[in-house]
Amino acid sequence: MKINCIAIDDEPLALKQISDYIGKIPFLELIAQCSNAFQALQVLESSNIDLMFVDINMPDLNGLDFVKSLENKPHVIFTTAYSQYAIEGFKVEAIDYLLKPFSFTEFSKSASKAKKQLELINNQIEEIESNNGYLFIKSEYKLVRINLDEIKFIEGMKEYVRIHLAGHKPVMTLLSLKSLEEKLPSEKFMRVHRSYIVNLEKITTIERFRIIYDDKIVIPVSENYKHKFQNYINQNFME
């Protein structure tokens, strides 16, 4: 499996070292190098990121506060020269904590730990069965039947997804948006954001690339998906 990752560090030499280490590990794919948290936010908005290597001691917005601020967090490995941050790092469910200066061997061990965790999640993801307008998913140790017509939108939440239904409470399941996207009919469902798949038939209003449902829920269309969504609008637009 390929793990899409980004490196975030305000020190150019440290950022280069992490990027070089990532390049030496076959299962890691470096998507971007970021010198601050605000650059990283832009990358997260436009790309599907599985893993972040995040320096903690950064100006303006430090790594811990940055990760805490994310609603849908990729997996995280913290890097820092200050050991006192270790406990705080694990409070935000970081996979690992690398104390600078760290060797390639230490970095490789952390990367392997992330790979094992992601593989465990992916192994639990399978077993989506779909047929004739409905699908079965695992939720709370049960197989739950979900009618496709009842799905309003699907929200990605790290390794879980929340399926929002019309007239029913949401269903949580250990899945990825990608695995669901592959099962759902593309003429009816569209990925519009790294964290959202929408049922096109349930949309009531579109305003400046924001999808608005009748219960005032607003879902943004991210830059990465705007062209595809605009094509859908153009094909169904009546003057």
C-alpha atoms as a PDB file:
ATOM      1  CA  MET A   1       0.000   0.000   0.000  1.00  0.00           C
ATOM      2  CA  LYS A   2       1.055   3.598  -0.663  1.00  0.00           C
ATOM      3  CA  ILE A   3       0.701   6.091   2.186  1.00  0.00           C
ATOM      4  CA  ASN A   4       0.237   9.714   1.091  1.00  0.00           C
ATOM      5  CA  CYS A   5       2.041  11.976   3.520  1.00  0.00           C
ATOM      6  CA  ILE A   6       3.175  15.536   4.117  1.00  0.00           C
ATOM      7  CA  ALA A   7       6.087  16.914   6.109  1.00  0.00           C
ATOM      8  CA  ILE A   8       5.566  20.073   8.211  1.00  0.00           C
ATOM      9  CA  ASP A   9       8.526  21.875   9.782  1.00  0.00           C
ATOM     10  CA  ASP A  10       9.565  25.537   9.928  1.00  0.00           C
ATOM     11  CA  GLU A  11      13.286  24.644   9.900  1.00  0.00           C
ATOM     12  CA  PRO A  12      14.478  24.139   6.278  1.00  0.00           C
ATOM     13  CA  LEU A  13      17.177  21.588   7.172  1.00  0.00           C
ATOM     14  CA  ALA A  14      14.796  19.545   9.312  1.00  0.00           C
ATOM     15  CA  LEU A  15      12.156  19.655   6.583  1.00  0.00           C
ATOM     16  CA  LYS A  16      14.685  18.469   4.014  1.00  0.00           C
ATOM     17  CA  GLN A  17      15.821  15.628   6.278  1.00  0.00           C
ATOM     18  CA  ILE A  18      12.276  14.352   6.814  1.00  0.00           C
ATOM     19  CA  SER A  19      11.536  14.642   3.088  1.00  0.00           C
ATOM     20  CA  ASP A  20      14.726  12.733   2.242  1.00  0.00           C
ATOM     21  CA  TYR A  21      13.830  10.015   4.742  1.00  0.00           C
ATOM     22  CA  ILE A  22      10.334   9.723   3.253  1.00  0.00           C
ATOM     23  CA  GLY A  23      11.877   9.311  -0.196  1.00  0.00           C
ATOM     24  CA  LYS A  24      13.869   6.302   1.030  1.00  0.00           C
ATOM     25  CA  ILE A  25      10.804   4.374   2.226  1.00  0.00           C
ATOM     26  CA  PRO A  26       8.957   2.649  -0.658  1.00  0.00           C
ATOM     27  CA  PHE A  27       5.490   2.700   0.903  1.00  0.00           C
ATOM     28  CA  LEU A  28       5.568   6.451   1.661  1.00  0.00           C
ATOM     29  CA  GLU A  29       4.539   8.984  -0.990  1.00  0.00           C
ATOM     30  CA  LEU A  30       5.514  12.586  -0.247  1.00  0.00           C
ATOM     31  CA  ILE A  31       2.703  14.868  -1.435  1.00  0.00           C
ATOM     32  CA  ALA A  32       4.005  18.174  -0.082  1.00  0.00           C
ATOM     33  CA  GLN A  33       6.590  19.898   2.102  1.00  0.00           C
ATOM     34  CA  CYS A  34       5.157  22.648   4.306  1.00  0.00           C
ATOM     35  CA  SER A  35       7.045  25.224   6.350  1.00  0.00           C
ATOM     36  CA  ASN A  36       4.026  26.111   8.502  1.00  0.00           C
ATOM     37  CA  ALA A  37       0.588  24.884   9.523  1.00  0.00           C
ATOM     38  CA  PHE A  38      -1.252  27.249   7.177  1.00  0.00           C
ATOM     39  CA  GLN A  39       0.447  25.760   4.113  1.00  0.00           C
ATOM     40  CA  ALA A  40      -0.458  22.323   5.421  1.00  0.00           C
ATOM     41  CA  LEU A  41      -4.127  23.306   5.734  1.00  0.00           C
ATOM     42  CA  GLN A  42      -4.206  24.178   2.028  1.00  0.00           C
ATOM     43  CA  VAL A  43      -2.721  20.804   1.134  1.00  0.00           C
ATOM     44  CA  LEU A  44      -5.214  18.951   3.328  1.00  0.00           C
ATOM     45  CA  GLU A  45      -8.049  20.801   1.615  1.00  0.00           C
ATOM     46  CA  SER A  46      -6.983  19.729  -1.868  1.00  0.00           C
ATOM     47  CA  SER A  47      -5.367  16.305  -1.376  1.00  0.00           C
ATOM     48  CA  ASN A  48      -6.075  13.001   0.330  1.00  0.00           C
ATOM     49  CA  ILE A  49      -3.426  12.725   3.037  1.00  0.00           C
ATOM     50  CA  ASP A  50      -3.042   9.596   5.160  1.00  0.00           C
ATOM     51  CA  LEU A  51      -0.128  10.625   7.371  1.00  0.00           C
ATOM     52  CA  MET A  52       1.493  13.863   8.583  1.00  0.00           C
ATOM     53  CA  PHE A  53       4.968  14.318  10.036  1.00  0.00           C
ATOM     54  CA  VAL A  54       4.454  17.432  12.170  1.00  0.00           C
ATOM     55  CA  ASP A  55       7.000  19.538  14.033  1.00  0.00           C
ATOM     56  CA  ILE A  56       5.533  20.749  17.321  1.00  0.00           C
ATOM     57  CA  ASN A  57       7.543  23.899  18.039  1.00  0.00           C
ATOM     58  CA  MET A  58       6.504  26.174  15.142  1.00  0.00           C
ATOM     59  CA  PRO A  59       5.711  29.917  15.226  1.00  0.00           C
ATOM     60  CA  ASP A  60       2.183  31.346  14.890  1.00  0.00           C
ATOM     61  CA  LEU A  61       0.436  27.972  15.169  1.00  0.00           C
ATOM     62  CA  ASN A  62       2.357  25.142  16.800  1.00  0.00           C
ATOM     63  CA  GLY A  63       2.004  21.545  15.700  1.00  0.00           C
ATOM     64  CA  LEU A  64      -0.115  20.406  18.640  1.00  0.00           C
ATOM     65  CA  ASP A  65      -2.644  23.210  18.267  1.00  0.00           C
ATOM     66  CA  PHE A  66      -2.707  22.651  14.503  1.00  0.00           C
ATOM     67  CA  VAL A  67      -3.559  18.973  14.865  1.00  0.00           C
ATOM     68  CA  LYS A  68      -6.146  19.700  17.577  1.00  0.00           C
ATOM     69  CA  SER A  69      -7.828  22.209  15.257  1.00  0.00           C
ATOM     70  CA  LEU A  70      -8.441  19.657  12.501  1.00  0.00           C
ATOM     71  CA  GLU A  71     -11.921  18.180  12.333  1.00  0.00           C
ATOM     72  CA  ASN A  72     -10.836  15.272  10.126  1.00  0.00           C
ATOM     73  CA  LYS A  73      -7.302  14.376  11.107  1.00  0.00           C
ATOM     74  CA  PRO A  74      -4.920  12.247   9.069  1.00  0.00           C
ATOM     75  CA  HIS A  75      -2.679  10.031  11.154  1.00  0.00           C
ATOM     76  CA  VAL A  76       0.119  11.953  12.856  1.00  0.00           C
ATOM     77  CA  ILE A  77       3.752  11.407  13.793  1.00  0.00           C
ATOM     78  CA  PHE A  78       5.141  14.337  15.782  1.00  0.00           C
ATOM     79  CA  THR A  79       8.757  15.499  15.469  1.00  0.00           C
ATOM     80  CA  THR A  80      10.329  17.883  17.993  1.00  0.00           C
ATOM     81  CA  ALA A  81      13.473  18.707  19.919  1.00  0.00           C
ATOM     82  CA  TYR A  82      11.517  19.022  23.172  1.00  0.00           C
ATOM     83  CA  SER A  83      10.711  15.840  25.066  1.00  0.00           C
ATOM     84  CA  GLN A  84       8.166  17.541  27.363  1.00  0.00           C
ATOM     85  CA  TYR A  85       5.646  17.534  24.489  1.00  0.00           C
ATOM     86  CA  ALA A  86       5.503  13.730  24.302  1.00  0.00           C
ATOM     87  CA  ILE A  87       2.522  13.274  26.618  1.00  0.00           C
ATOM     88  CA  GLU A  88       0.566  16.021  24.862  1.00  0.00           C
ATOM     89  CA  GLY A  89       1.364  14.398  21.540  1.00  0.00           C
ATOM     90  CA  PHE A  90      -0.188  11.111  22.554  1.00  0.00           C
ATOM     91  CA  LYS A  91      -3.248  12.885  23.920  1.00  0.00           C
ATOM     92  CA  VAL A  92      -4.157  13.774  20.336  1.00  0.00           C
ATOM     93  CA  GLU A  93      -3.732  10.106  19.331  1.00  0.00           C
ATOM     94  CA  ALA A  94      -0.415  10.493  17.530  1.00  0.00           C
ATOM     95  CA  ILE A  95       0.974   7.249  16.163  1.00  0.00           C
ATOM     96  CA  ASP A  96       4.470   8.106  17.348  1.00  0.00           C
ATOM     97  CA  TYR A  97       6.763  10.823  18.640  1.00  0.00           C
ATOM     98  CA  LEU A  98      10.255  11.366  17.193  1.00  0.00           C
ATOM     99  CA  LEU A  99      12.717  13.311  19.322  1.00  0.00           C
ATOM    100  CA  LYS A 100      15.192  15.366  17.284  1.00  0.00           C
ATOM    101  CA  PRO A 101      17.819  14.594  16.222  1.00  0.00           C
ATOM    102  CA  PHE A 102      16.529  11.196  15.090  1.00  0.00           C
ATOM    103  CA  SER A 103      18.162   8.659  12.803  1.00  0.00           C
ATOM    104  CA  PHE A 104      16.761   7.099   9.663  1.00  0.00           C
ATOM    105  CA  THR A 105      16.359   3.849  11.616  1.00  0.00           C
ATOM    106  CA  GLU A 106      14.141   5.582  14.180  1.00  0.00           C
ATOM    107  CA  PHE A 107      12.186   7.309  11.423  1.00  0.00           C
ATOM    108  CA  SER A 108      11.731   4.012   9.568  1.00  0.00           C
ATOM    109  CA  LYS A 109      10.379   2.311  12.697  1.00  0.00           C
ATOM    110  CA  SER A 110       7.791   5.075  13.140  1.00  0.00           C
ATOM    111  CA  ALA A 111       6.785   4.840   9.482  1.00  0.00           C
ATOM    112  CA  SER A 112       6.379   1.053   9.804  1.00  0.00           C
ATOM    113  CA  LYS A 113       4.190   1.566  12.877  1.00  0.00           C
ATOM    114  CA  ALA A 114       1.965   3.894  10.822  1.00  0.00           C
ATOM    115  CA  LYS A 115       1.822   1.361   7.988  1.00  0.00           C
ATOM    116  CA  LYS A 116       0.703  -1.427  10.340  1.00  0.00           C
ATOM    117  CA  GLN A 117      -2.038   0.763  11.793  1.00  0.00           C
ATOM    118  CA  LEU A 118      -3.321   1.783   8.362  1.00  0.00           C
ATOM    119  CA  GLU A 119      -3.218  -1.816   7.133  1.00  0.00           C
ATOM    120  CA  LEU A 120      -5.240  -2.901  10.162  1.00  0.00           C
ATOM    121  CA  ILE A 121      -7.872  -0.295   9.330  1.00  0.00           C
ATOM    122  CA  ASN A 122      -7.935  -1.284   5.654  1.00  0.00           C
ATOM    123  CA  ASN A 123      -8.344  -4.962   6.555  1.00  0.00           C
ATOM    124  CA  GLN A 124     -11.437  -4.069   8.567  1.00  0.00           C
ATOM    125  CA  ILE A 125     -12.811  -1.903   5.799  1.00  0.00           C
ATOM    126  CA  GLU A 126     -13.743  -4.622   3.342  1.00  0.00           C
ATOM    127  CA  GLU A 127     -17.038  -6.461   3.269  1.00  0.00           C
ATOM    128  CA  ILE A 128     -19.216  -3.755   1.797  1.00  0.00           C
ATOM    129  CA  GLU A 129     -21.944  -5.510  -0.147  1.00  0.00           C
ATOM    130  CA  SER A 130     -24.143  -3.536  -2.513  1.00  0.00           C
ATOM    131  CA  ASN A 131     -26.990  -4.605  -4.766  1.00  0.00           C
ATOM    132  CA  ASN A 132     -30.181  -3.187  -6.308  1.00  0.00           C
ATOM    133  CA  GLY A 133     -30.289   0.166  -4.557  1.00  0.00           C
ATOM    134  CA  TYR A 134     -28.989  -0.764  -1.128  1.00  0.00           C
ATOM    135  CA  LEU A 135     -25.796  -1.812   0.614  1.00  0.00           C
ATOM    136  CA  PHE A 136     -24.811  -3.667   3.748  1.00  0.00           C
ATOM    137  CA  ILE A 137     -22.118  -2.296   6.033  1.00  0.00           C
ATOM    138  CA  LYS A 138     -20.708  -3.340   9.388  1.00  0.00           C
ATOM    139  CA  SER A 139     -21.702  -1.084  12.267  1.00  0.00           C
ATOM    140  CA  GLU A 140     -21.469  -1.914  15.972  1.00  0.00           C
ATOM    141  CA  TYR A 141     -20.801  -5.607  15.278  1.00  0.00           C
ATOM    142  CA  LYS A 142     -23.878  -5.869  13.046  1.00  0.00           C
ATOM    143  CA  LEU A 143     -24.572  -5.822   9.327  1.00  0.00           C
ATOM    144  CA  VAL A 144     -26.800  -2.843   8.645  1.00  0.00           C
ATOM    145  CA  ARG A 145     -28.808  -2.443   5.443  1.00  0.00           C
ATOM    146  CA  ILE A 146     -28.791   1.091   4.063  1.00  0.00           C
ATOM    147  CA  ASN A 147     -30.997   2.128   1.170  1.00  0.00           C
ATOM    148  CA  LEU A 148     -29.070   4.337  -1.245  1.00  0.00           C
ATOM    149  CA  ASP A 149     -32.077   6.643  -1.677  1.00  0.00           C
ATOM    150  CA  GLU A 150     -31.955   7.461   2.041  1.00  0.00           C
ATOM    151  CA  ILE A 151     -28.325   8.606   2.043  1.00  0.00           C
ATOM    152  CA  LYS A 152     -27.969  12.396   2.119  1.00  0.00           C
ATOM    153  CA  PHE A 153     -24.206  12.586   2.383  1.00  0.00           C
ATOM    154  CA  ILE A 154     -21.268  10.673   3.800  1.00  0.00           C
ATOM    155  CA  GLU A 155     -18.739  12.314   6.085  1.00  0.00           C
ATOM    156  CA  GLY A 156     -15.177  11.078   6.521  1.00  0.00           C
ATOM    157  CA  MET A 157     -13.858  11.097  10.085  1.00  0.00           C
ATOM    158  CA  LYS A 158     -10.269   9.800  10.053  1.00  0.00           C
ATOM    159  CA  GLU A 159     -10.636   5.987   9.927  1.00  0.00           C
ATOM    160  CA  TYR A 160     -14.433   6.117  10.354  1.00  0.00           C
ATOM    161  CA  VAL A 161     -17.223   7.457   8.197  1.00  0.00           C
ATOM    162  CA  ARG A 162     -20.596   8.799   9.268  1.00  0.00           C
ATOM    163  CA  ILE A 163     -23.428   8.075   6.832  1.00  0.00           C
ATOM    164  CA  HIS A 164     -26.125  10.742   7.169  1.00  0.00           C
ATOM    165  CA  LEU A 165     -29.590   9.458   6.322  1.00  0.00           C
ATOM    166  CA  ALA A 166     -32.910  11.152   5.605  1.00  0.00           C
ATOM    167  CA  GLY A 167     -35.317  10.410   8.421  1.00  0.00           C
ATOM    168  CA  HIS A 168     -32.878   8.282  10.431  1.00  0.00           C
ATOM    169  CA  LYS A 169     -29.951   8.859  12.758  1.00  0.00           C
ATOM    170  CA  PRO A 170     -26.475   8.681  11.158  1.00  0.00           C
ATOM    171  CA  VAL A 171     -24.672   5.353  10.960  1.00  0.00           C
ATOM    172  CA  MET A 172     -21.001   5.152  11.957  1.00  0.00           C
ATOM    173  CA  THR A 173     -18.750   2.494  10.480  1.00  0.00           C
ATOM    174  CA  LEU A 174     -15.050   1.683  10.186  1.00  0.00           C
ATOM    175  CA  LEU A 175     -14.641   2.446   6.492  1.00  0.00           C
ATOM    176  CA  SER A 176     -12.827   4.823   4.199  1.00  0.00           C
ATOM    177  CA  LEU A 177     -14.525   7.284   1.874  1.00  0.00           C
ATOM    178  CA  LYS A 178     -12.538   5.792  -0.988  1.00  0.00           C
ATOM    179  CA  SER A 179     -13.932   2.291  -0.421  1.00  0.00           C
ATOM    180  CA  LEU A 180     -17.490   3.633  -0.319  1.00  0.00           C
ATOM    181  CA  GLU A 181     -16.917   5.830  -3.355  1.00  0.00           C
ATOM    182  CA  GLU A 182     -15.927   2.741  -5.352  1.00  0.00           C
ATOM    183  CA  LYS A 183     -19.149   0.938  -4.395  1.00  0.00           C
ATOM    184  CA  LEU A 184     -21.655   3.756  -4.863  1.00  0.00           C
ATOM    185  CA  PRO A 185     -23.169   4.513  -8.304  1.00  0.00           C
ATOM    186  CA  SER A 186     -21.234   7.455  -9.779  1.00  0.00           C
ATOM    187  CA  GLU A 187     -24.307   8.875 -11.527  1.00  0.00           C
ATOM    188  CA  LYS A 188     -25.921   9.440  -8.144  1.00  0.00           C
ATOM    189  CA  PHE A 189     -23.060  10.039  -5.702  1.00  0.00           C
ATOM    190  CA  MET A 190     -20.086  12.390  -6.028  1.00  0.00           C
ATOM    191  CA  ARG A 191     -16.983  13.076  -3.971  1.00  0.00           C
ATOM    192  CA  VAL A 192     -16.876  16.861  -3.507  1.00  0.00           C
ATOM    193  CA  HIS A 193     -14.302  17.186  -0.722  1.00  0.00           C
ATOM    194  CA  ARG A 194     -11.655  15.024   0.904  1.00  0.00           C
ATOM    195  CA  SER A 195     -14.173  14.540   3.743  1.00  0.00           C
ATOM    196  CA  TYR A 196     -17.514  14.350   1.905  1.00  0.00           C
ATOM    197  CA  ILE A 197     -19.462  12.307  -0.637  1.00  0.00           C
ATOM    198  CA  VAL A 198     -22.897  13.707  -1.482  1.00  0.00           C
ATOM    199  CA  ASN A 199     -26.091  12.216  -2.870  1.00  0.00           C
ATOM    200  CA  LEU A 200     -26.716  14.510  -5.835  1.00  0.00           C
ATOM    201  CA  GLU A 201     -30.459  13.851  -5.698  1.00  0.00           C
ATOM    202  CA  LYS A 202     -30.708  15.230  -2.134  1.00  0.00           C
ATOM    203  CA  ILE A 203     -29.146  18.622  -2.861  1.00  0.00           C
ATOM    204  CA  THR A 204     -31.630  21.480  -2.538  1.00  0.00           C
ATOM    205  CA  THR A 205     -29.422  24.553  -3.034  1.00  0.00           C
ATOM    206  CA  ILE A 206     -25.964  25.340  -4.439  1.00  0.00           C
ATOM    207  CA  GLU A 207     -24.384  28.652  -3.517  1.00  0.00           C
ATOM    208  CA  ARG A 208     -20.809  29.598  -4.482  1.00  0.00           C
ATOM    209  CA  PHE A 209     -19.622  26.003  -4.496  1.00  0.00           C
ATOM    210  CA  ARG A 210     -21.345  25.259  -1.231  1.00  0.00           C
ATOM    211  CA  ILE A 211     -23.967  22.512  -1.140  1.00  0.00           C
ATOM    212  CA  ILE A 212     -26.909  23.350   1.098  1.00  0.00           C
ATOM    213  CA  TYR A 213     -29.427  20.751   2.213  1.00  0.00           C
ATOM    214  CA  ASP A 214     -32.967  21.509   3.335  1.00  0.00           C
ATOM    215  CA  ASP A 215     -31.978  21.244   7.000  1.00  0.00           C
ATOM    216  CA  LYS A 216     -29.384  24.015   6.516  1.00  0.00           C
ATOM    217  CA  ILE A 217     -26.394  21.687   6.515  1.00  0.00           C
ATOM    218  CA  VAL A 218     -23.642  23.234   4.369  1.00  0.00           C
ATOM    219  CA  ILE A 219     -20.935  21.184   2.656  1.00  0.00           C
ATOM    220  CA  PRO A 220     -18.050  22.895   0.838  1.00  0.00           C
ATOM    221  CA  VAL A 221     -16.855  21.795  -2.598  1.00  0.00           C
ATOM    222  CA  SER A 222     -13.063  21.868  -2.393  1.00  0.00           C
ATOM    223  CA  GLU A 223     -10.802  23.144  -5.157  1.00  0.00           C
ATOM    224  CA  ASN A 224      -9.760  19.637  -6.118  1.00  0.00           C
ATOM    225  CA  TYR A 225     -13.345  18.647  -7.012  1.00  0.00           C
ATOM    226  CA  LYS A 226     -14.760  21.927  -8.384  1.00  0.00           C
ATOM    227  CA  HIS A 227     -14.263  21.084 -12.062  1.00  0.00           C
ATOM    228  CA  LYS A 228     -16.131  17.782 -11.800  1.00  0.00           C
ATOM    229  CA  PHE A 229     -18.944  19.348  -9.784  1.00  0.00           C
ATOM    230  CA  GLN A 230     -19.235  22.271 -12.209  1.00  0.00           C
ATOM    231  CA  ASN A 231     -19.650  19.786 -15.072  1.00  0.00           C
ATOM    232  CA  TYR A 232     -22.526  18.178 -13.183  1.00  0.00           C
ATOM    233  CA  ILE A 233     -24.170  21.588 -12.711  1.00  0.00           C
ATOM    234  CA  ASN A 234     -23.714  22.473 -16.383  1.00  0.00           C
ATOM    235  CA  GLN A 235     -25.298  19.222 -17.523  1.00  0.00           C
ATOM    236  CA  ASN A 236     -28.377  19.787 -15.367  1.00  0.00           C
ATOM    237  CA  PHE A 237     -28.749  23.554 -15.605  1.00  0.00           C
ATOM    238  CA  MET A 238     -31.999  24.914 -17.126  1.00  0.00           C
ATOM    239  CA  GLU A 239     -32.059  28.580 -18.197  1.00  0.00           C
END
